[in-house]
Every structure is written in C-alpha cells, then in structure tokens.
Amino acid sequence: MGGMGPLASAEFLKTLYEENRFEVEQEAPACLLLSDPNVPDRTDAIVRGEEEPVTRWLEFTLRRMQNLGARRVVIACITMHHFLKCVSPPLRDLTVSLVDMALDEVLASGKRWLLLTSRGTRNAGIFERSERWQQAAPFLVWPSEADQDELHGVIYRLKKHGEVAQAAELCERLVRGYGVDGFIAGCTEFHLVTKHLQLQPPQARLQSIDPLFLVANRMPSLVSR
C-alpha cells in the first residue's frame, strides 16, 4: 500500500525485486503496488484529532487489496500504522508491522540507534505501543525537539522532490552528533536514503535499520505465514 509518498513506495517495489533474485521472470514474486496519494496527511490528522477520514480510507484500501488477492500487506507509511488499531481485526491481521520488524532488529543488534520518524509517528507513540518497546528502549535515542522539527521538514521535501542527498547529510550529521551506531528509518521516506547510502563503500557506509529492506529480504517467509 503506497503513495505515502509515491517515490518511496515505488522504490520499495524495486527493492523487492532486487532483493529476491530470479533466473527467469516467471519465478519473480507477484506484487501489487496500490500507489494512492489521495489520502489525508497522517500527521495532520493525528495532531488535529481528525482521524476518522484516514481510518475509513485505510479500511477501504485494505479491503480493496484483499479483494485483489493480496495475502500480506505492507503499509509503506509508518505513521499510518497508528490507524490500524481502528480497522477490523481480519484486515489488520493481513498487515506486516514495520515497527515490530525494526525493533526486533534493534534487539538482535545490541547496538544504539537514533530513531528518525515523522512528527506524527513520534507524537502518537507508535513505536512505544509495540510489545517490543520496553526491551528495545535502552538501545534507542530520540532526536531533540529542534532536530525533530528539522527532520520533519526534510521528510516532506523527500516526499515532494526526492531530495535524497540533503536527507542523507542530515542523517549522517545526527548520527555523529548523538554518538550512536546508526539510525532507524522510522519513516518510510528514508528508504530513499538507505538506498542512496548503499552506493557508498561498505566500510564508509552509515549503518541503518530500514524495515522496508527487512521486508524485502524476508518476503518469502512473510507470505507463507
């Protein structure tokens, strides 16, 4: 489920095929990308307390994807995970939790990570609602309020213009400034950044946990559940 923003979800579809190699095209995984940007801004809905239109859109779109034959759904917007609590359980059970996947990776790593999210995700406490949060919290650092504001602006420029280099520079500066091992792509727009960082030599590459990469790498096992 994409379009939030469209550049990131389109890049995620490309990642799915890059990470699941095939000898002939008939062996490639079948994927649906419903890239529909016509959904209210998730952060605005949370801040203003106007969540019902987003929840209705989410329920309708999950049902639409189910009717198209989707066996598992990845919502390529972490802030949208906030609204899952209000949709019907059978539809909610179709979804893959990007939050849980990221926190599982934190616990497996034993390293310290800077949690980079949208303002909406942070205000709604989406990561904190995970059952894994209590264990993972000692390994996580939130940006200051000033850095969070700068980060939120960069996220929206990524959505509109795909300004990847500027976002990558901010990630590198914040990771150095907070003295952590790397960052968590707690907003799916940062998938554009983690793809950009892969172009660097491994020894110089900024460490990151990107749940969209985790989904791509584990897609066969996720679909078979």
C-alpha atoms as a PDB file:
ATOM      1  CA  MET A   1       0.000   0.000   0.000  1.00  0.00           C
ATOM      2  CA  GLY A   2       1.895   3.007  -1.262  1.00  0.00           C
ATOM      3  CA  GLY A   3       1.654   6.580  -2.389  1.00  0.00           C
ATOM      4  CA  MET A   4       2.570   7.977   1.053  1.00  0.00           C
ATOM      5  CA  GLY A   5       4.772   9.264  -0.582  1.00  0.00           C
ATOM      6  CA  PRO A   6       4.836   7.771  -4.052  1.00  0.00           C
ATOM      7  CA  LEU A   7       8.588   7.958  -4.650  1.00  0.00           C
ATOM      8  CA  ALA A   8       9.385   5.847  -1.576  1.00  0.00           C
ATOM      9  CA  SER A   9       6.803   3.145  -2.289  1.00  0.00           C
ATOM     10  CA  ALA A  10       7.868   2.925  -5.946  1.00  0.00           C
ATOM     11  CA  GLU A  11      11.465   2.477  -4.782  1.00  0.00           C
ATOM     12  CA  PHE A  12      10.313  -0.203  -2.337  1.00  0.00           C
ATOM     13  CA  LEU A  13       8.729  -2.196  -5.178  1.00  0.00           C
ATOM     14  CA  LYS A  14      12.080  -2.015  -6.992  1.00  0.00           C
ATOM     15  CA  THR A  15      13.819  -3.195  -3.821  1.00  0.00           C
ATOM     16  CA  LEU A  16      11.507  -6.222  -3.575  1.00  0.00           C
ATOM     17  CA  TYR A  17      12.686  -7.428  -6.965  1.00  0.00           C
ATOM     18  CA  GLU A  18      16.331  -6.524  -6.371  1.00  0.00           C
ATOM     19  CA  GLU A  19      16.429  -8.487  -3.116  1.00  0.00           C
ATOM     20  CA  ASN A  20      14.512 -11.516  -4.460  1.00  0.00           C
ATOM     21  CA  ARG A  21      16.584 -12.607  -7.414  1.00  0.00           C
ATOM     22  CA  PHE A  22      15.203 -14.935 -10.074  1.00  0.00           C
ATOM     23  CA  GLU A  23      16.583 -16.828 -13.070  1.00  0.00           C
ATOM     24  CA  VAL A  24      13.567 -16.264 -15.320  1.00  0.00           C
ATOM     25  CA  GLU A  25      10.864 -13.636 -14.913  1.00  0.00           C
ATOM     26  CA  GLN A  26       8.181 -16.271 -14.281  1.00  0.00           C
ATOM     27  CA  GLU A  27       9.921 -17.079 -10.981  1.00  0.00           C
ATOM     28  CA  ALA A  28       9.686 -13.494  -9.738  1.00  0.00           C
ATOM     29  CA  PRO A  29       7.289 -12.778  -6.874  1.00  0.00           C
ATOM     30  CA  ALA A  30       3.862 -11.384  -7.718  1.00  0.00           C
ATOM     31  CA  CYS A  31       3.422  -7.964  -6.087  1.00  0.00           C
ATOM     32  CA  LEU A  32       0.642  -5.399  -6.057  1.00  0.00           C
ATOM     33  CA  LEU A  33       1.524  -1.736  -5.579  1.00  0.00           C
ATOM     34  CA  LEU A  34      -1.526   0.399  -4.953  1.00  0.00           C
ATOM     35  CA  SER A  35       0.068   3.835  -5.026  1.00  0.00           C
ATOM     36  CA  ASP A  36      -2.717   6.176  -3.990  1.00  0.00           C
ATOM     37  CA  PRO A  37      -1.570   9.565  -2.639  1.00  0.00           C
ATOM     38  CA  ASN A  38      -5.207  10.638  -2.258  1.00  0.00           C
ATOM     39  CA  VAL A  39      -5.272  10.075   1.492  1.00  0.00           C
ATOM     40  CA  PRO A  40      -5.309  12.822   4.147  1.00  0.00           C
ATOM     41  CA  ASP A  41      -1.985  13.737   5.725  1.00  0.00           C
ATOM     42  CA  ARG A  42      -1.468  11.292   8.591  1.00  0.00           C
ATOM     43  CA  THR A  43       0.493  13.667  10.832  1.00  0.00           C
ATOM     44  CA  ASP A  44      -2.079  16.447  10.409  1.00  0.00           C
ATOM     45  CA  ALA A  45      -4.889  14.020  11.259  1.00  0.00           C
ATOM     46  CA  ILE A  46      -3.132  12.962  14.472  1.00  0.00           C
ATOM     47  CA  VAL A  47      -2.236  16.500  15.558  1.00  0.00           C
ATOM     48  CA  ARG A  48      -5.752  17.838  14.865  1.00  0.00           C
ATOM     49  CA  GLY A  49      -7.590  14.815  16.253  1.00  0.00           C
ATOM     50  CA  GLU A  50      -9.292  14.275  12.895  1.00  0.00           C
ATOM     51  CA  GLU A  51      -8.504  10.586  12.476  1.00  0.00           C
ATOM     52  CA  GLU A  52     -11.775   9.146  11.161  1.00  0.00           C
ATOM     53  CA  PRO A  53     -11.260  10.030   7.451  1.00  0.00           C
ATOM     54  CA  VAL A  54      -7.838   8.370   7.461  1.00  0.00           C
ATOM     55  CA  THR A  55      -9.181   5.282   9.243  1.00  0.00           C
ATOM     56  CA  ARG A  56     -12.013   4.979   6.690  1.00  0.00           C
ATOM     57  CA  TRP A  57      -9.531   5.277   3.830  1.00  0.00           C
ATOM     58  CA  LEU A  58      -7.276   2.641   5.401  1.00  0.00           C
ATOM     59  CA  GLU A  59     -10.106   0.150   5.943  1.00  0.00           C
ATOM     60  CA  PHE A  60     -11.383   0.661   2.386  1.00  0.00           C
ATOM     61  CA  THR A  61      -7.916   0.272   0.858  1.00  0.00           C
ATOM     62  CA  LEU A  62      -7.022  -2.838   2.885  1.00  0.00           C
ATOM     63  CA  ARG A  63     -10.278  -4.444   1.784  1.00  0.00           C
ATOM     64  CA  ARG A  64      -9.564  -3.413  -1.793  1.00  0.00           C
ATOM     65  CA  MET A  65      -6.137  -5.067  -1.679  1.00  0.00           C
ATOM     66  CA  GLN A  66      -7.619  -8.188  -0.099  1.00  0.00           C
ATOM     67  CA  ASN A  67     -10.139  -8.380  -2.952  1.00  0.00           C
ATOM     68  CA  LEU A  68      -7.261  -8.106  -5.428  1.00  0.00           C
ATOM     69  CA  GLY A  69      -5.769 -11.248  -3.880  1.00  0.00           C
ATOM     70  CA  ALA A  70      -3.142  -9.831  -1.530  1.00  0.00           C
ATOM     71  CA  ARG A  71      -2.009 -12.412   1.033  1.00  0.00           C
ATOM     72  CA  ARG A  72       0.046  -9.930   3.069  1.00  0.00           C
ATOM     73  CA  VAL A  73       0.011  -6.128   3.034  1.00  0.00           C
ATOM     74  CA  VAL A  74       2.909  -3.789   3.728  1.00  0.00           C
ATOM     75  CA  ILE A  75       1.749  -0.269   4.522  1.00  0.00           C
ATOM     76  CA  ALA A  76       4.573   1.898   3.202  1.00  0.00           C
ATOM     77  CA  CYS A  77       3.936   4.604   5.798  1.00  0.00           C
ATOM     78  CA  ILE A  78       4.826   4.056   9.430  1.00  0.00           C
ATOM     79  CA  THR A  79       2.616   6.907  10.630  1.00  0.00           C
ATOM     80  CA  MET A  80      -0.340   5.083   9.039  1.00  0.00           C
ATOM     81  CA  HIS A  81       0.296   2.209  11.488  1.00  0.00           C
ATOM     82  CA  HIS A  82      -1.321   4.416  14.137  1.00  0.00           C
ATOM     83  CA  PHE A  83      -4.720   3.953  12.467  1.00  0.00           C
ATOM     84  CA  LEU A  84      -4.538   0.159  12.285  1.00  0.00           C
ATOM     85  CA  LYS A  85      -5.983  -0.152  15.785  1.00  0.00           C
ATOM     86  CA  CYS A  86      -9.345   1.055  14.431  1.00  0.00           C
ATOM     87  CA  VAL A  87      -9.752  -1.270  11.440  1.00  0.00           C
ATOM     88  CA  SER A  88     -11.412  -4.683  11.601  1.00  0.00           C
ATOM     89  CA  PRO A  89      -9.161  -7.463  13.015  1.00  0.00           C
ATOM     90  CA  PRO A  90      -9.186  -9.679   9.867  1.00  0.00           C
ATOM     91  CA  LEU A  91      -7.845  -6.784   7.797  1.00  0.00           C
ATOM     92  CA  ARG A  92      -5.377  -5.790  10.494  1.00  0.00           C
ATOM     93  CA  ASP A  93      -4.058  -9.365  10.538  1.00  0.00           C
ATOM     94  CA  LEU A  94      -3.137  -9.050   6.849  1.00  0.00           C
ATOM     95  CA  THR A  95      -0.588  -6.353   7.583  1.00  0.00           C
ATOM     96  CA  VAL A  96       3.112  -6.630   8.321  1.00  0.00           C
ATOM     97  CA  SER A  97       4.213  -4.472  11.258  1.00  0.00           C
ATOM     98  CA  LEU A  98       7.176  -2.392  10.141  1.00  0.00           C
ATOM     99  CA  VAL A  99       7.518  -1.192  13.736  1.00  0.00           C
ATOM    100  CA  ASP A 100       7.906  -4.698  15.164  1.00  0.00           C
ATOM    101  CA  MET A 101      10.374  -5.664  12.434  1.00  0.00           C
ATOM    102  CA  ALA A 102      12.553  -2.639  13.193  1.00  0.00           C
ATOM    103  CA  LEU A 103      12.514  -3.230  16.951  1.00  0.00           C
ATOM    104  CA  ASP A 104      13.327  -6.932  16.502  1.00  0.00           C
ATOM    105  CA  GLU A 105      16.391  -5.862  14.534  1.00  0.00           C
ATOM    106  CA  VAL A 106      17.385  -3.430  17.305  1.00  0.00           C
ATOM    107  CA  LEU A 107      17.246  -6.223  19.869  1.00  0.00           C
ATOM    108  CA  ALA A 108      19.232  -8.576  17.639  1.00  0.00           C
ATOM    109  CA  SER A 109      21.944  -5.977  17.043  1.00  0.00           C
ATOM    110  CA  GLY A 110      22.706  -4.904  20.618  1.00  0.00           C
ATOM    111  CA  LYS A 111      23.745  -1.504  19.220  1.00  0.00           C
ATOM    112  CA  ARG A 112      22.469   2.028  19.897  1.00  0.00           C
ATOM    113  CA  TRP A 113      20.281   3.641  17.270  1.00  0.00           C
ATOM    114  CA  LEU A 114      18.827   7.064  16.582  1.00  0.00           C
ATOM    115  CA  LEU A 115      15.102   6.796  15.906  1.00  0.00           C
ATOM    116  CA  LEU A 116      14.203   9.017  12.952  1.00  0.00           C
ATOM    117  CA  THR A 117      10.447   9.371  12.439  1.00  0.00           C
ATOM    118  CA  SER A 118       7.833  11.849  11.335  1.00  0.00           C
ATOM    119  CA  ARG A 119       6.356  14.201  13.905  1.00  0.00           C
ATOM    120  CA  GLY A 120       3.074  12.266  13.684  1.00  0.00           C
ATOM    121  CA  THR A 121       4.717   8.918  14.489  1.00  0.00           C
ATOM    122  CA  ARG A 122       6.532  10.412  17.463  1.00  0.00           C
ATOM    123  CA  ASN A 123       3.505  12.292  18.832  1.00  0.00           C
ATOM    124  CA  ALA A 124       1.264   9.238  18.540  1.00  0.00           C
ATOM    125  CA  GLY A 125       3.752   6.959  20.324  1.00  0.00           C
ATOM    126  CA  ILE A 126       3.558   4.360  17.558  1.00  0.00           C
ATOM    127  CA  PHE A 127       6.854   2.694  18.417  1.00  0.00           C
ATOM    128  CA  GLU A 128       6.143   2.824  22.144  1.00  0.00           C
ATOM    129  CA  ARG A 129       2.920   0.833  21.668  1.00  0.00           C
ATOM    130  CA  SER A 130       4.822  -2.198  20.411  1.00  0.00           C
ATOM    131  CA  GLU A 131       5.247  -5.099  22.826  1.00  0.00           C
ATOM    132  CA  ARG A 132       8.967  -4.960  21.986  1.00  0.00           C
ATOM    133  CA  TRP A 133       9.417  -1.349  23.069  1.00  0.00           C
ATOM    134  CA  GLN A 134      10.302  -1.948  26.711  1.00  0.00           C
ATOM    135  CA  GLN A 135      13.184  -4.234  25.777  1.00  0.00           C
ATOM    136  CA  ALA A 136      14.355  -2.094  22.875  1.00  0.00           C
ATOM    137  CA  ALA A 137      14.108   1.332  24.534  1.00  0.00           C
ATOM    138  CA  PRO A 138      17.566   1.232  26.219  1.00  0.00           C
ATOM    139  CA  PHE A 139      19.130   0.947  22.740  1.00  0.00           C
ATOM    140  CA  LEU A 140      17.193   3.860  21.227  1.00  0.00           C
ATOM    141  CA  VAL A 141      17.719   7.629  21.231  1.00  0.00           C
ATOM    142  CA  TRP A 142      15.172  10.244  20.174  1.00  0.00           C
ATOM    143  CA  PRO A 143      16.316  13.469  18.482  1.00  0.00           C
ATOM    144  CA  SER A 144      15.846  16.745  20.330  1.00  0.00           C
ATOM    145  CA  GLU A 145      12.724  18.778  19.579  1.00  0.00           C
ATOM    146  CA  ALA A 146      14.720  21.136  17.352  1.00  0.00           C
ATOM    147  CA  ASP A 147      16.254  18.255  15.412  1.00  0.00           C
ATOM    148  CA  GLN A 148      12.829  16.607  15.151  1.00  0.00           C
ATOM    149  CA  ASP A 149      11.425  19.749  13.539  1.00  0.00           C
ATOM    150  CA  GLU A 150      14.281  19.838  11.027  1.00  0.00           C
ATOM    151  CA  LEU A 151      13.810  16.148  10.357  1.00  0.00           C
ATOM    152  CA  HIS A 152      10.106  16.555   9.695  1.00  0.00           C
ATOM    153  CA  GLY A 153      10.811  19.244   7.107  1.00  0.00           C
ATOM    154  CA  VAL A 154      13.339  17.011   5.366  1.00  0.00           C
ATOM    155  CA  ILE A 155      10.784  14.175   5.256  1.00  0.00           C
ATOM    156  CA  TYR A 156       8.306  16.376   3.404  1.00  0.00           C
ATOM    157  CA  ARG A 157      10.962  17.512   0.937  1.00  0.00           C
ATOM    158  CA  LEU A 158      11.727  13.860   0.290  1.00  0.00           C
ATOM    159  CA  LYS A 159       8.038  13.278  -0.418  1.00  0.00           C
ATOM    160  CA  LYS A 160       7.743  16.191  -2.825  1.00  0.00           C
ATOM    161  CA  HIS A 161      11.107  16.375  -4.545  1.00  0.00           C
ATOM    162  CA  GLY A 162      13.132  13.296  -3.590  1.00  0.00           C
ATOM    163  CA  GLU A 163      15.928  15.441  -2.117  1.00  0.00           C
ATOM    164  CA  VAL A 164      17.955  12.424  -1.063  1.00  0.00           C
ATOM    165  CA  ALA A 165      21.426  13.941  -0.733  1.00  0.00           C
ATOM    166  CA  GLN A 166      20.254  16.581   1.746  1.00  0.00           C
ATOM    167  CA  ALA A 167      18.410  13.971   3.817  1.00  0.00           C
ATOM    168  CA  ALA A 168      21.462  11.676   3.825  1.00  0.00           C
ATOM    169  CA  GLU A 169      23.671  14.530   5.053  1.00  0.00           C
ATOM    170  CA  LEU A 170      21.232  15.211   7.896  1.00  0.00           C
ATOM    171  CA  CYS A 171      21.204  11.527   8.900  1.00  0.00           C
ATOM    172  CA  GLU A 172      24.990  11.423   8.954  1.00  0.00           C
ATOM    173  CA  ARG A 173      25.205  14.626  10.994  1.00  0.00           C
ATOM    174  CA  LEU A 174      22.646  13.443  13.532  1.00  0.00           C
ATOM    175  CA  VAL A 175      24.230  10.009  13.953  1.00  0.00           C
ATOM    176  CA  ARG A 176      27.612  11.626  14.631  1.00  0.00           C
ATOM    177  CA  GLY A 177      26.097  14.246  16.930  1.00  0.00           C
ATOM    178  CA  TYR A 178      24.244  11.745  19.101  1.00  0.00           C
ATOM    179  CA  GLY A 179      27.137   9.288  19.258  1.00  0.00           C
ATOM    180  CA  VAL A 180      25.077   6.286  18.162  1.00  0.00           C
ATOM    181  CA  ASP A 181      25.934   3.397  15.868  1.00  0.00           C
ATOM    182  CA  GLY A 182      23.378   4.251  13.209  1.00  0.00           C
ATOM    183  CA  PHE A 183      19.785   5.265  12.576  1.00  0.00           C
ATOM    184  CA  ILE A 184      16.403   3.608  12.235  1.00  0.00           C
ATOM    185  CA  ALA A 185      14.403   4.555   9.157  1.00  0.00           C
ATOM    186  CA  GLY A 186      11.299   5.185  11.242  1.00  0.00           C
ATOM    187  CA  CYS A 187       9.632   6.900   8.298  1.00  0.00           C
ATOM    188  CA  THR A 188       9.398   5.026   5.006  1.00  0.00           C
ATOM    189  CA  GLU A 189      10.623   8.115   3.133  1.00  0.00           C
ATOM    190  CA  PHE A 190      14.058   7.213   4.495  1.00  0.00           C
ATOM    191  CA  HIS A 191      14.039   4.139   2.260  1.00  0.00           C
ATOM    192  CA  LEU A 192      15.197   6.555  -0.428  1.00  0.00           C
ATOM    193  CA  VAL A 193      18.091   7.497   1.847  1.00  0.00           C
ATOM    194  CA  THR A 194      19.111   3.942   2.747  1.00  0.00           C
ATOM    195  CA  LYS A 195      19.131   3.040  -0.964  1.00  0.00           C
ATOM    196  CA  HIS A 196      21.326   6.101  -1.603  1.00  0.00           C
ATOM    197  CA  LEU A 197      23.707   5.107   1.187  1.00  0.00           C
ATOM    198  CA  GLN A 198      24.160   1.662  -0.356  1.00  0.00           C
ATOM    199  CA  LEU A 199      26.132   3.343  -3.112  1.00  0.00           C
ATOM    200  CA  GLN A 200      28.902   4.086  -0.604  1.00  0.00           C
ATOM    201  CA  PRO A 201      31.730   1.599   0.074  1.00  0.00           C
ATOM    202  CA  PRO A 202      30.699  -0.807   2.888  1.00  0.00           C
ATOM    203  CA  GLN A 203      33.452   0.416   5.231  1.00  0.00           C
ATOM    204  CA  ALA A 204      32.265   4.037   4.905  1.00  0.00           C
ATOM    205  CA  ARG A 205      28.526   3.348   4.855  1.00  0.00           C
ATOM    206  CA  LEU A 206      26.299   4.735   7.589  1.00  0.00           C
ATOM    207  CA  GLN A 207      24.582   1.911   9.463  1.00  0.00           C
ATOM    208  CA  SER A 208      20.808   1.830   9.343  1.00  0.00           C
ATOM    209  CA  ILE A 209      17.810  -0.323  10.136  1.00  0.00           C
ATOM    210  CA  ASP A 210      15.289   0.029   7.329  1.00  0.00           C
ATOM    211  CA  PRO A 211      12.128  -2.064   7.844  1.00  0.00           C
ATOM    212  CA  LEU A 212      11.359  -1.974   4.122  1.00  0.00           C
ATOM    213  CA  PHE A 213      14.682  -3.680   3.426  1.00  0.00           C
ATOM    214  CA  LEU A 214      13.849  -6.213   6.141  1.00  0.00           C
ATOM    215  CA  VAL A 215      10.513  -6.965   4.467  1.00  0.00           C
ATOM    216  CA  ALA A 216      12.182  -7.380   1.077  1.00  0.00           C
ATOM    217  CA  ASN A 217      14.773  -9.777   2.488  1.00  0.00           C
ATOM    218  CA  ARG A 218      12.166 -11.851   4.330  1.00  0.00           C
ATOM    219  CA  MET A 219       9.323 -11.709   1.835  1.00  0.00           C
ATOM    220  CA  PRO A 220       9.065 -15.481   1.135  1.00  0.00           C
ATOM    221  CA  SER A 221       8.657 -16.313   4.825  1.00  0.00           C
ATOM    222  CA  LEU A 222       6.232 -13.429   5.399  1.00  0.00           C
ATOM    223  CA  VAL A 223       3.950 -14.521   2.555  1.00  0.00           C
ATOM    224  CA  SER A 224       3.973 -18.181   3.646  1.00  0.00           C
ATOM    225  CA  ARG A 225       2.556 -17.357   7.102  1.00  0.00           C
END
